[in-house]
Amino acid sequence: MAGETQRRSQWPLALSLLVALAGVVVLWFYDWRNGVLIFAGAVGLAGLLRALLSDAAAGLLHVRSRMFDIAFLLLTATAIATLGLIVPN
């Protein structure tokens, strides 16, 4: 029973990783800029999920305090997206 609850609480991380994987696939096979932006969206999604979910429901997205996790993930997503947009072809 505890194993099932623990697995169920990892869906936010799994969802973020699936979106990040989609970004890497797009980056590798299609267009690097769109892939980077999708990857940045995955990091931003992780930040939003950390902001919306409780500590128990966030699973492995809960690393430090809520405010630190949210600020770090959203600033990282912004930095990745900004770099993806300003780097020339």
Protein backbone atom coordinates (compact mmCIF):
# COMPACT_ATOMS: atom_id res chain seq x y z
CA MET A 1 0.00 0.00 0.00
CA ALA A 2 2.78 2.46 0.87
CA GLY A 3 4.58 1.66 -2.39
CA GLU A 4 1.47 2.49 -4.41
CA THR A 5 1.05 5.82 -2.61
CA GLN A 6 4.72 6.64 -3.16
CA ARG A 7 4.49 5.83 -6.89
CA ARG A 8 1.33 7.88 -7.25
CA SER A 9 3.02 10.91 -5.70
CA GLN A 10 5.71 10.93 -8.41
CA TRP A 11 3.40 11.92 -11.28
CA PRO A 12 4.50 15.61 -11.25
CA LEU A 13 8.12 14.65 -11.82
CA ALA A 14 7.17 12.03 -14.42
CA LEU A 15 5.04 14.55 -16.33
CA SER A 16 7.83 17.13 -16.31
CA LEU A 17 10.36 14.54 -17.48
CA LEU A 18 8.07 13.41 -20.33
CA VAL A 19 7.73 16.98 -21.57
CA ALA A 20 11.50 17.45 -21.26
CA LEU A 21 12.07 14.24 -23.23
CA ALA A 22 9.73 15.52 -25.94
CA GLY A 23 11.81 18.70 -26.05
CA VAL A 24 15.02 16.71 -26.43
CA VAL A 25 13.48 14.65 -29.26
CA VAL A 26 12.36 17.81 -31.06
CA LEU A 27 15.78 19.37 -30.46
CA TRP A 28 17.61 16.35 -31.81
CA PHE A 29 15.49 15.47 -34.85
CA TYR A 30 13.70 18.67 -35.92
CA ASP A 31 14.49 22.20 -34.79
CA TRP A 32 16.90 23.00 -31.97
CA ARG A 33 15.23 26.26 -30.99
CA ASN A 34 11.77 24.72 -30.61
CA GLY A 35 13.28 21.83 -28.66
CA VAL A 36 15.00 24.21 -26.26
CA LEU A 37 11.75 26.14 -25.75
CA ILE A 38 9.84 22.92 -25.05
CA PHE A 39 12.54 21.90 -22.58
CA ALA A 40 12.28 25.30 -20.89
CA GLY A 41 8.51 24.76 -20.74
CA ALA A 42 9.09 21.45 -18.97
CA VAL A 43 11.21 23.15 -16.32
CA GLY A 44 8.57 25.88 -15.98
CA LEU A 45 5.88 23.20 -15.67
CA ALA A 46 7.86 21.63 -12.83
CA GLY A 47 7.98 25.02 -11.12
CA LEU A 48 4.24 25.56 -11.53
CA LEU A 49 3.45 22.07 -10.26
CA ARG A 50 5.69 22.69 -7.25
CA ALA A 51 3.81 25.92 -6.58
CA LEU A 52 0.35 24.37 -6.87
CA LEU A 53 0.83 21.03 -5.12
CA SER A 54 1.41 20.30 -1.46
CA ASP A 55 4.79 19.03 -0.31
CA ALA A 56 3.51 15.45 -0.14
CA ALA A 57 1.82 15.60 -3.56
CA ALA A 58 4.86 17.20 -5.24
CA GLY A 59 6.93 14.08 -4.65
CA LEU A 60 10.52 14.44 -5.80
CA LEU A 61 9.90 18.01 -6.97
CA HIS A 62 10.05 18.83 -3.25
CA VAL A 63 13.78 19.28 -2.66
CA ARG A 64 14.16 22.34 -0.44
CA SER A 65 11.68 24.92 0.77
CA ARG A 66 8.69 25.66 -1.44
CA MET A 67 9.81 29.22 -2.27
CA PHE A 68 13.36 28.13 -3.12
CA ASP A 69 12.16 25.31 -5.40
CA ILE A 70 9.66 27.55 -7.19
CA ALA A 71 12.10 30.43 -7.65
CA PHE A 72 14.91 28.15 -8.82
CA LEU A 73 12.78 26.25 -11.33
CA LEU A 74 11.07 29.32 -12.77
CA LEU A 75 14.30 31.32 -13.02
CA THR A 76 16.01 28.36 -14.68
CA ALA A 77 13.14 28.02 -17.16
CA THR A 78 13.34 31.73 -17.94
CA ALA A 79 17.11 31.55 -18.44
CA ILE A 80 16.86 28.52 -20.77
CA ALA A 81 14.07 30.13 -22.82
CA THR A 82 15.93 33.46 -23.03
CA LEU A 83 19.12 31.79 -24.20
CA GLY A 84 17.16 29.71 -26.69
CA LEU A 85 15.62 32.85 -28.15
CA ILE A 86 18.70 35.08 -28.32
CA VAL A 87 21.30 32.63 -29.64
CA PRO A 88 21.63 33.17 -33.39
CA ASN A 89 21.26 30.29 -35.85
